C-alpha atoms as a PDB file:
ATOM      1  CA  MET A   1      -0.886   5.799  28.315  1.00  0.00           C
ATOM      2  CA  LYS A   2       2.099   3.257  28.257  1.00  0.00           C
ATOM      3  CA  ARG A   3       3.799   5.348  30.388  1.00  0.00           C
ATOM      4  CA  ASN A   4       1.418   5.055  33.212  1.00  0.00           C
ATOM      5  CA  TRP A   5       4.272   4.296  35.813  1.00  0.00           C
ATOM      6  CA  TYR A   6       4.610   8.261  35.928  1.00  0.00           C
ATOM      7  CA  ALA A   7       1.372   8.225  38.154  1.00  0.00           C
ATOM      8  CA  TYR A   8       3.078   5.603  40.734  1.00  0.00           C
ATOM      9  CA  PRO A   9       4.730   8.630  42.947  1.00  0.00           C
ATOM     10  CA  TYR A  10       1.382  10.869  43.532  1.00  0.00           C
ATOM     11  CA  VAL A  11      -0.244   7.046  44.145  1.00  0.00           C
ATOM     12  CA  LEU A  12       2.140   6.607  46.994  1.00  0.00           C
ATOM     13  CA  TRP A  13       1.954  10.356  48.288  1.00  0.00           C
ATOM     14  CA  MET A  14      -2.326  10.138  48.055  1.00  0.00           C
ATOM     15  CA  LEU A  15      -1.718   6.511  50.090  1.00  0.00           C
ATOM     16  CA  ILE A  16       0.770   7.804  52.552  1.00  0.00           C
ATOM     17  CA  PHE A  17      -1.122  11.613  53.059  1.00  0.00           C
ATOM     18  CA  ILE A  18      -4.560  10.867  52.296  1.00  0.00           C
ATOM     19  CA  VAL A  19      -6.000   7.420  52.691  1.00  0.00           C
ATOM     20  CA  ALA A  20      -3.387   5.796  55.961  1.00  0.00           C
ATOM     21  CA  PRO A  21      -4.716   9.253  57.504  1.00  0.00           C
ATOM     22  CA  LEU A  22      -8.712   8.562  56.724  1.00  0.00           C
ATOM     23  CA  PHE A  23      -7.948   4.838  57.776  1.00  0.00           C
ATOM     24  CA  LEU A  24      -5.953   6.179  61.088  1.00  0.00           C
ATOM     25  CA  ILE A  25      -8.972   8.680  61.927  1.00  0.00           C
ATOM     26  CA  ILE A  26     -11.562   5.552  61.411  1.00  0.00           C
ATOM     27  CA  TYR A  27      -9.288   3.150  63.794  1.00  0.00           C
ATOM     28  CA  TYR A  28      -9.146   5.668  66.731  1.00  0.00           C
ATOM     29  CA  THR A  29     -12.640   6.414  66.256  1.00  0.00           C
ATOM     30  CA  PHE A  30     -13.879   3.033  66.860  1.00  0.00           C
ATOM     31  CA  THR A  31     -11.257   2.281  69.288  1.00  0.00           C
ATOM     32  CA  LYS A  32     -10.465   2.347  73.029  1.00  0.00           C
ATOM     33  CA  THR A  33      -6.839   1.447  74.931  1.00  0.00           C
ATOM     34  CA  THR A  34      -7.674  -0.027  78.117  1.00  0.00           C
ATOM     35  CA  ASP A  35      -5.279  -1.840  80.558  1.00  0.00           C
ATOM     36  CA  GLU A  36      -6.302  -5.229  78.618  1.00  0.00           C
ATOM     37  CA  GLY A  37      -5.438  -3.893  75.178  1.00  0.00           C
ATOM     38  CA  ILE A  38      -7.169  -2.338  72.491  1.00  0.00           C
ATOM     39  CA  LYS A  39     -10.815  -2.882  72.057  1.00  0.00           C
ATOM     40  CA  PHE A  40     -13.467  -2.038  69.526  1.00  0.00           C
ATOM     41  CA  THR A  41     -16.040   0.201  71.237  1.00  0.00           C
ATOM     42  CA  LEU A  42     -18.727   2.941  69.974  1.00  0.00           C
ATOM     43  CA  GLU A  43     -18.118   5.267  73.180  1.00  0.00           C
ATOM     44  CA  ASN A  44     -16.452   7.991  71.257  1.00  0.00           C
ATOM     45  CA  MET A  45     -19.806   8.562  68.985  1.00  0.00           C
ATOM     46  CA  VAL A  46     -22.144   8.083  71.669  1.00  0.00           C
ATOM     47  CA  ARG A  47     -20.434  10.955  73.537  1.00  0.00           C
ATOM     48  CA  LEU A  48     -20.234  13.012  70.558  1.00  0.00           C
ATOM     49  CA  CYS A  49     -24.550  13.080  71.635  1.00  0.00           C
ATOM     50  CA  ASP A  50     -23.676  14.802  75.201  1.00  0.00           C
ATOM     51  CA  PRO A  51     -25.830  18.129  75.213  1.00  0.00           C
ATOM     52  CA  ILE A  52     -22.625  19.845  75.753  1.00  0.00           C
ATOM     53  CA  TYR A  53     -20.865  18.783  72.117  1.00  0.00           C
ATOM     54  CA  LEU A  54     -24.539  18.845  70.437  1.00  0.00           C
ATOM     55  CA  ARG A  55     -24.721  22.668  71.279  1.00  0.00           C
ATOM     56  CA  VAL A  56     -21.107  23.450  69.723  1.00  0.00           C
ATOM     57  CA  PHE A  57     -21.729  21.160  66.654  1.00  0.00           C
ATOM     58  CA  LEU A  58     -25.146  23.282  65.791  1.00  0.00           C
ATOM     59  CA  ARG A  59     -23.244  26.919  66.529  1.00  0.00           C
ATOM     60  CA  SER A  60     -20.626  25.573  64.363  1.00  0.00           C
ATOM     61  CA  VAL A  61     -23.309  24.575  61.924  1.00  0.00           C
ATOM     62  CA  TRP A  62     -25.130  28.039  62.722  1.00  0.00           C
ATOM     63  CA  LEU A  63     -22.340  30.560  61.783  1.00  0.00           C
ATOM     64  CA  ALA A  64     -21.242  28.282  59.059  1.00  0.00           C
ATOM     65  CA  LEU A  65     -24.564  28.136  57.158  1.00  0.00           C
ATOM     66  CA  ALA A  66     -24.986  32.159  58.068  1.00  0.00           C
ATOM     67  CA  SER A  67     -21.672  32.768  56.543  1.00  0.00           C
ATOM     68  CA  THR A  68     -22.432  30.765  53.406  1.00  0.00           C
ATOM     69  CA  VAL A  69     -25.710  32.446  52.817  1.00  0.00           C
ATOM     70  CA  LEU A  70     -23.846  35.922  53.128  1.00  0.00           C
ATOM     71  CA  CYS A  71     -21.290  34.932  51.025  1.00  0.00           C
ATOM     72  CA  LEU A  72     -24.206  33.640  48.153  1.00  0.00           C
ATOM     73  CA  LEU A  73     -25.863  36.805  48.596  1.00  0.00           C
ATOM     74  CA  ILE A  74     -22.744  38.939  48.482  1.00  0.00           C
ATOM     75  CA  GLY A  75     -20.687  36.440  45.504  1.00  0.00           C
ATOM     76  CA  TYR A  76     -23.560  35.838  42.952  1.00  0.00           C
ATOM     77  CA  PRO A  77     -24.192  39.321  42.275  1.00  0.00           C
ATOM     78  CA  VAL A  78     -20.322  39.824  41.584  1.00  0.00           C
ATOM     79  CA  ALA A  79     -20.075  36.742  39.777  1.00  0.00           C
ATOM     80  CA  LEU A  80     -22.849  38.345  37.717  1.00  0.00           C
ATOM     81  CA  ILE A  81     -20.398  41.475  36.815  1.00  0.00           C
ATOM     82  CA  LEU A  82     -17.282  39.339  36.127  1.00  0.00           C
ATOM     83  CA  ALA A  83     -19.132  37.516  33.835  1.00  0.00           C
ATOM     84  CA  SER A  84     -20.718  40.207  31.748  1.00  0.00           C
ATOM     85  CA  ARG A  85     -19.342  41.602  28.683  1.00  0.00           C
ATOM     86  CA  GLU A  86     -20.482  45.239  29.379  1.00  0.00           C
ATOM     87  CA  TYR A  87     -18.277  45.907  32.802  1.00  0.00           C
ATOM     88  CA  ARG A  88     -15.174  47.015  31.689  1.00  0.00           C
ATOM     89  CA  LYS A  89     -13.358  46.948  34.850  1.00  0.00           C
ATOM     90  CA  LYS A  90     -13.887  43.414  35.128  1.00  0.00           C
ATOM     91  CA  LYS A  91      -9.649  42.708  35.749  1.00  0.00           C
ATOM     92  CA  VAL A  92      -9.695  45.196  38.523  1.00  0.00           C
ATOM     93  CA  LEU A  93     -12.618  43.918  40.212  1.00  0.00           C
ATOM     94  CA  THR A  94     -10.652  40.595  39.598  1.00  0.00           C
ATOM     95  CA  LEU A  95      -7.759  41.637  41.541  1.00  0.00           C
ATOM     96  CA  LEU A  96      -9.538  43.120  44.155  1.00  0.00           C
ATOM     97  CA  PHE A  97     -10.451  39.405  45.030  1.00  0.00           C
ATOM     98  CA  VAL A  98      -7.309  37.375  44.416  1.00  0.00           C
ATOM     99  CA  ILE A  99      -4.948  39.983  45.839  1.00  0.00           C
ATOM    100  CA  PRO A 100      -6.149  38.883  49.486  1.00  0.00           C
ATOM    101  CA  MET A 101      -5.485  35.600  48.629  1.00  0.00           C
ATOM    102  CA  TRP A 102      -1.927  36.041  48.041  1.00  0.00           C
ATOM    103  CA  ILE A 103      -1.436  37.084  51.783  1.00  0.00           C
ATOM    104  CA  ASN A 104      -1.568  34.659  54.324  1.00  0.00           C
ATOM    105  CA  PHE A 105      -4.660  33.436  56.094  1.00  0.00           C
ATOM    106  CA  LEU A 106      -3.391  34.366  59.664  1.00  0.00           C
ATOM    107  CA  VAL A 107      -2.086  37.081  58.824  1.00  0.00           C
ATOM    108  CA  ARG A 108      -5.634  38.575  57.188  1.00  0.00           C
ATOM    109  CA  THR A 109      -7.198  37.489  60.192  1.00  0.00           C
ATOM    110  CA  TYR A 110      -5.145  39.328  62.824  1.00  0.00           C
ATOM    111  CA  ALA A 111      -5.699  42.413  60.180  1.00  0.00           C
ATOM    112  CA  TRP A 112      -9.441  41.991  60.765  1.00  0.00           C
ATOM    113  CA  MET A 113      -8.541  42.284  64.720  1.00  0.00           C
ATOM    114  CA  THR A 114      -6.743  45.353  64.372  1.00  0.00           C
ATOM    115  CA  LEU A 115      -9.661  46.887  62.323  1.00  0.00           C
ATOM    116  CA  LEU A 116     -12.739  46.061  64.719  1.00  0.00           C
ATOM    117  CA  GLU A 117     -10.579  47.121  67.883  1.00  0.00           C
ATOM    118  CA  LYS A 118     -11.860  49.966  70.023  1.00  0.00           C
ATOM    119  CA  ASN A 119      -9.457  52.333  68.699  1.00  0.00           C
ATOM    120  CA  SER A 120      -9.522  51.485  65.239  1.00  0.00           C
ATOM    121  CA  VAL A 121      -9.165  53.153  62.029  1.00  0.00           C
ATOM    122  CA  ILE A 122     -12.593  52.444  61.553  1.00  0.00           C
ATOM    123  CA  ASN A 123     -14.151  53.571  64.784  1.00  0.00           C
ATOM    124  CA  THR A 124     -11.747  57.139  64.896  1.00  0.00           C
ATOM    125  CA  VAL A 125     -14.024  57.761  61.395  1.00  0.00           C
ATOM    126  CA  LEU A 126     -16.698  57.038  62.717  1.00  0.00           C
ATOM    127  CA  ASN A 127     -16.232  58.832  65.855  1.00  0.00           C
ATOM    128  CA  PHE A 128     -15.015  61.911  63.740  1.00  0.00           C
ATOM    129  CA  LEU A 129     -18.405  61.859  62.108  1.00  0.00           C
ATOM    130  CA  GLY A 130     -20.252  61.735  65.223  1.00  0.00           C
ATOM    131  CA  LEU A 131     -21.644  57.911  64.353  1.00  0.00           C
ATOM    132  CA  PRO A 132     -21.428  55.497  67.306  1.00  0.00           C
ATOM    133  CA  PRO A 133     -18.485  52.912  67.203  1.00  0.00           C
ATOM    134  CA  ILE A 134     -18.715  49.573  65.965  1.00  0.00           C
ATOM    135  CA  ASN A 135     -18.065  47.011  68.857  1.00  0.00           C
ATOM    136  CA  ILE A 136     -18.439  43.711  67.421  1.00  0.00           C
ATOM    137  CA  LEU A 137     -15.137  42.038  68.519  1.00  0.00           C
ATOM    138  CA  TYR A 138     -15.202  38.743  70.144  1.00  0.00           C
ATOM    139  CA  THR A 139     -18.548  38.345  69.181  1.00  0.00           C
ATOM    140  CA  ASP A 140     -20.551  36.207  66.680  1.00  0.00           C
ATOM    141  CA  GLN A 141     -20.782  39.017  64.271  1.00  0.00           C
ATOM    142  CA  ALA A 142     -16.944  38.819  63.833  1.00  0.00           C
ATOM    143  CA  VAL A 143     -16.788  35.401  63.238  1.00  0.00           C
ATOM    144  CA  ILE A 144     -19.210  35.940  60.613  1.00  0.00           C
ATOM    145  CA  LEU A 145     -17.234  39.191  58.933  1.00  0.00           C
ATOM    146  CA  GLY A 146     -13.933  36.983  59.423  1.00  0.00           C
ATOM    147  CA  MET A 147     -15.582  34.131  57.549  1.00  0.00           C
ATOM    148  CA  VAL A 148     -17.170  36.065  54.903  1.00  0.00           C
ATOM    149  CA  TYR A 149     -14.005  37.803  54.079  1.00  0.00           C
ATOM    150  CA  ASN A 150     -11.789  34.586  54.009  1.00  0.00           C
ATOM    151  CA  PHE A 151     -13.803  32.709  52.012  1.00  0.00           C
ATOM    152  CA  LEU A 152     -16.104  34.779  49.861  1.00  0.00           C
ATOM    153  CA  PRO A 153     -13.547  34.028  46.663  1.00  0.00           C
ATOM    154  CA  PHE A 154     -14.281  30.238  46.718  1.00  0.00           C
ATOM    155  CA  MET A 155     -17.678  31.390  46.467  1.00  0.00           C
ATOM    156  CA  VAL A 156     -17.555  33.483  43.462  1.00  0.00           C
ATOM    157  CA  LEU A 157     -14.651  31.584  41.525  1.00  0.00           C
ATOM    158  CA  PRO A 158     -17.044  28.729  40.698  1.00  0.00           C
ATOM    159  CA  ILE A 159     -20.379  30.787  40.091  1.00  0.00           C
ATOM    160  CA  TYR A 160     -18.242  32.734  37.619  1.00  0.00           C
ATOM    161  CA  SER A 161     -16.808  29.853  35.957  1.00  0.00           C
ATOM    162  CA  VAL A 162     -20.271  28.744  35.060  1.00  0.00           C
ATOM    163  CA  LEU A 163     -21.739  32.216  34.017  1.00  0.00           C
ATOM    164  CA  VAL A 164     -18.593  32.800  31.539  1.00  0.00           C
ATOM    165  CA  LYS A 165     -19.486  29.664  29.909  1.00  0.00           C
ATOM    166  CA  LEU A 166     -23.758  30.169  29.445  1.00  0.00           C
ATOM    167  CA  ASP A 167     -24.448  30.591  25.846  1.00  0.00           C
ATOM    168  CA  ARG A 168     -25.053  33.961  24.927  1.00  0.00           C
ATOM    169  CA  SER A 169     -27.503  33.160  22.154  1.00  0.00           C
ATOM    170  CA  ILE A 170     -30.295  31.829  24.694  1.00  0.00           C
ATOM    171  CA  ILE A 171     -30.068  35.360  26.589  1.00  0.00           C
ATOM    172  CA  GLU A 172     -30.573  36.834  23.388  1.00  0.00           C
ATOM    173  CA  ALA A 173     -33.193  34.811  22.284  1.00  0.00           C
ATOM    174  CA  ALA A 174     -35.391  35.006  25.247  1.00  0.00           C
ATOM    175  CA  GLU A 175     -34.832  38.814  25.334  1.00  0.00           C
ATOM    176  CA  ASP A 176     -36.154  39.314  21.513  1.00  0.00           C
ATOM    177  CA  LEU A 177     -39.321  37.556  22.755  1.00  0.00           C
ATOM    178  CA  GLY A 178     -39.808  40.554  25.331  1.00  0.00           C
ATOM    179  CA  ALA A 179     -38.324  38.902  28.740  1.00  0.00           C
ATOM    180  CA  ASN A 180     -36.833  41.736  30.619  1.00  0.00           C
ATOM    181  CA  TYR A 181     -33.696  41.112  32.726  1.00  0.00           C
ATOM    182  CA  LEU A 182     -35.643  39.621  35.714  1.00  0.00           C
ATOM    183  CA  THR A 183     -37.346  37.066  34.107  1.00  0.00           C
ATOM    184  CA  VAL A 184     -34.028  36.388  31.971  1.00  0.00           C
ATOM    185  CA  LEU A 185     -32.274  35.852  35.518  1.00  0.00           C
ATOM    186  CA  LYS A 186     -34.846  34.171  37.287  1.00  0.00           C
ATOM    187  CA  ARG A 187     -35.652  31.442  34.349  1.00  0.00           C
ATOM    188  CA  ILE A 188     -32.265  31.105  32.784  1.00  0.00           C
ATOM    189  CA  ILE A 189     -29.067  32.651  34.150  1.00  0.00           C
ATOM    190  CA  ILE A 190     -30.230  31.362  37.663  1.00  0.00           C
ATOM    191  CA  PRO A 191     -31.440  27.705  36.840  1.00  0.00           C
ATOM    192  CA  LEU A 192     -28.097  27.044  34.589  1.00  0.00           C
ATOM    193  CA  SER A 193     -25.625  28.681  37.347  1.00  0.00           C
ATOM    194  CA  LEU A 194     -26.929  25.933  40.086  1.00  0.00           C
ATOM    195  CA  PRO A 195     -23.798  23.965  39.360  1.00  0.00           C
ATOM    196  CA  GLY A 196     -21.497  26.453  40.377  1.00  0.00           C
ATOM    197  CA  VAL A 197     -23.644  27.499  43.046  1.00  0.00           C
ATOM    198  CA  MET A 198     -23.813  24.068  44.839  1.00  0.00           C
ATOM    199  CA  SER A 199     -20.141  23.918  44.409  1.00  0.00           C
ATOM    200  CA  GLY A 200     -19.619  27.435  46.029  1.00  0.00           C
ATOM    201  CA  ILE A 201     -22.063  26.391  48.736  1.00  0.00           C
ATOM    202  CA  THR A 202     -19.833  23.234  49.463  1.00  0.00           C
ATOM    203  CA  MET A 203     -16.500  25.200  49.137  1.00  0.00           C
ATOM    204  CA  VAL A 204     -17.524  27.734  51.652  1.00  0.00           C
ATOM    205  CA  PHE A 205     -19.342  25.591  54.009  1.00  0.00           C
ATOM    206  CA  MET A 206     -17.183  23.182  54.681  1.00  0.00           C
ATOM    207  CA  PRO A 207     -13.890  25.325  55.258  1.00  0.00           C
ATOM    208  CA  ALA A 208     -16.145  27.671  57.614  1.00  0.00           C
ATOM    209  CA  ILE A 209     -17.673  24.827  59.699  1.00  0.00           C
ATOM    210  CA  THR A 210     -14.019  23.379  60.432  1.00  0.00           C
ATOM    211  CA  THR A 211     -12.333  26.534  61.192  1.00  0.00           C
ATOM    212  CA  PHE A 212     -10.604  27.499  64.397  1.00  0.00           C
ATOM    213  CA  VAL A 213      -8.734  30.249  63.833  1.00  0.00           C
ATOM    214  CA  ILE A 214     -11.201  32.269  62.925  1.00  0.00           C
ATOM    215  CA  SER A 215     -13.139  31.869  66.035  1.00  0.00           C
ATOM    216  CA  ARG A 216     -10.278  32.005  68.144  1.00  0.00           C
ATOM    217  CA  LEU A 217      -9.137  35.391  67.230  1.00  0.00           C
ATOM    218  CA  LEU A 218     -12.310  37.260  66.189  1.00  0.00           C
ATOM    219  CA  GLY A 219     -14.073  35.623  68.627  1.00  0.00           C
ATOM    220  CA  GLY A 220     -11.484  36.029  71.530  1.00  0.00           C
ATOM    221  CA  GLY A 221     -11.950  31.946  72.621  1.00  0.00           C
ATOM    222  CA  HIS A 222     -15.320  32.927  73.804  1.00  0.00           C
ATOM    223  CA  TYR A 223     -16.933  30.890  71.298  1.00  0.00           C
ATOM    224  CA  THR A 224     -15.963  27.152  70.936  1.00  0.00           C
ATOM    225  CA  LEU A 225     -16.767  25.586  67.387  1.00  0.00           C
ATOM    226  CA  ILE A 226     -16.057  22.222  66.300  1.00  0.00           C
ATOM    227  CA  GLY A 227     -12.940  23.161  64.835  1.00  0.00           C
ATOM    228  CA  ASN A 228     -11.588  24.549  68.100  1.00  0.00           C
ATOM    229  CA  LEU A 229     -13.096  21.277  70.090  1.00  0.00           C
ATOM    230  CA  ILE A 230     -11.302  19.030  67.839  1.00  0.00           C
ATOM    231  CA  GLU A 231      -7.544  21.092  68.168  1.00  0.00           C
ATOM    232  CA  GLN A 232      -8.543  20.991  71.709  1.00  0.00           C
ATOM    233  CA  GLN A 233      -8.590  17.122  71.992  1.00  0.00           C
ATOM    234  CA  PHE A 234      -5.469  16.368  69.863  1.00  0.00           C
ATOM    235  CA  ILE A 235      -3.093  18.993  71.353  1.00  0.00           C
ATOM    236  CA  PHE A 236      -4.555  19.836  74.701  1.00  0.00           C
ATOM    237  CA  THR A 237      -6.363  17.363  76.025  1.00  0.00           C
ATOM    238  CA  GLY A 238      -4.591  14.197  74.293  1.00  0.00           C
ATOM    239  CA  ASP A 239      -7.828  12.273  74.040  1.00  0.00           C
ATOM    240  CA  TRP A 240      -7.203  11.158  70.215  1.00  0.00           C
ATOM    241  CA  ASN A 241      -9.823   9.364  70.200  1.00  0.00           C
ATOM    242  CA  PHE A 242     -12.530  11.371  70.682  1.00  0.00           C
ATOM    243  CA  GLY A 243     -11.395  14.155  68.363  1.00  0.00           C
ATOM    244  CA  SER A 244     -11.130  11.293  65.746  1.00  0.00           C
ATOM    245  CA  ALA A 245     -14.824  11.076  66.311  1.00  0.00           C
ATOM    246  CA  LEU A 246     -15.611  14.374  65.980  1.00  0.00           C
ATOM    247  CA  SER A 247     -13.000  14.464  62.998  1.00  0.00           C
ATOM    248  CA  PHE A 248     -15.134  11.393  61.475  1.00  0.00           C
ATOM    249  CA  VAL A 249     -18.423  12.846  61.666  1.00  0.00           C
ATOM    250  CA  LEU A 250     -16.946  16.386  59.838  1.00  0.00           C
ATOM    251  CA  MET A 251     -15.976  13.783  57.347  1.00  0.00           C
ATOM    252  CA  ILE A 252     -19.319  12.243  56.719  1.00  0.00           C
ATOM    253  CA  LEU A 253     -20.660  15.796  56.135  1.00  0.00           C
ATOM    254  CA  ILE A 254     -17.772  16.708  53.429  1.00  0.00           C
ATOM    255  CA  LEU A 255     -18.837  13.257  51.581  1.00  0.00           C
ATOM    256  CA  LEU A 256     -22.772  14.039  51.739  1.00  0.00           C
ATOM    257  CA  SER A 257     -21.754  17.608  50.360  1.00  0.00           C
ATOM    258  CA  MET A 258     -19.760  16.123  47.607  1.00  0.00           C
ATOM    259  CA  LEU A 259     -22.362  13.945  46.671  1.00  0.00           C
ATOM    260  CA  VAL A 260     -25.076  16.975  46.647  1.00  0.00           C
ATOM    261  CA  MET A 261     -22.685  18.967  44.707  1.00  0.00           C
ATOM    262  CA  CYS A 262     -21.986  15.935  41.801  1.00  0.00           C
ATOM    263  CA  LYS A 263     -25.777  15.774  41.499  1.00  0.00           C
ATOM    264  CA  TYR A 264     -25.988  19.147  40.480  1.00  0.00           C
ATOM    265  CA  ASP A 265     -22.566  19.644  38.717  1.00  0.00           C
ATOM    266  CA  LYS A 266     -22.931  16.491  36.661  1.00  0.00           C
ATOM    267  CA  ASP A 267     -20.357  17.931  33.810  1.00  0.00           C
ATOM    268  CA  HIS A 268     -18.142  18.933  36.798  1.00  0.00           C
ATOM    269  CA  GLU A 269     -18.315  22.702  35.741  1.00  0.00           C
ATOM    270  CA  GLY A 270     -18.680  24.559  39.316  1.00  0.00           C
ATOM    271  CA  SER A 271     -15.370  23.472  40.261  1.00  0.00           C
ATOM    272  CA  GLY A 272     -13.000  24.381  37.457  1.00  0.00           C
ATOM    273  CA  ALA A 273     -12.158  27.668  38.842  1.00  0.00           C
ATOM    274  CA  ILE A 274     -11.006  26.114  41.996  1.00  0.00           C
ATOM    275  CA  TRP A 275      -9.183  23.053  40.828  1.00  0.00           C
END
């Protein structure tokens, strides 16, 4: 503790690459450059209420919510299996989740484009079996599929980190009192795993609502999400003020999500597997 000066480089790093960019976002959000100079304005925030941008925002929220729910429905049973002592092939299942994360995010998304195209391996097999082909590329379904595939580990790992720490004696006591597995799951396992569930929801929802690569590749550019809109403002349009306003709204959503997560994860159990 006497050598806390070791932390000074990290503090400097955070000031330069975290605090300073956040202040720049706030600065550009509430300012506007005119012929008379830089002025304080709320025009950028008011512009967000335009129906065009509201539709983009609602579509982003809808797709993010759909992918988050699907990740929860798929990820919770997987986390239960990984946390089970009876399942002997846990290491193999864990590798199946970890190995894809070693591959670049962009490469994984391009792989799904290859799998979902008309002449893909999947459609070839379906055609051989006499089944109708899958034509979901450049649709909402393809975007949701890409989100679920890429963000599913971020749902499984927080839930697993909580389930693996559960006191087995509580479950054994419930079983001794005559509770079946569904009762144990409903009244013991699920309530005690809520910190991991809330952490997983946060870890999936936030990247899902801000993604722009998945919607651009699997959506074919037909579906503009809020992440794509921010990218356009900074790279193509050059409107940093409006782009910062969009980023500021997302930053508020992130802070609200963190507050909700902290309410259910007071002991920081759900975030252990991620951090």
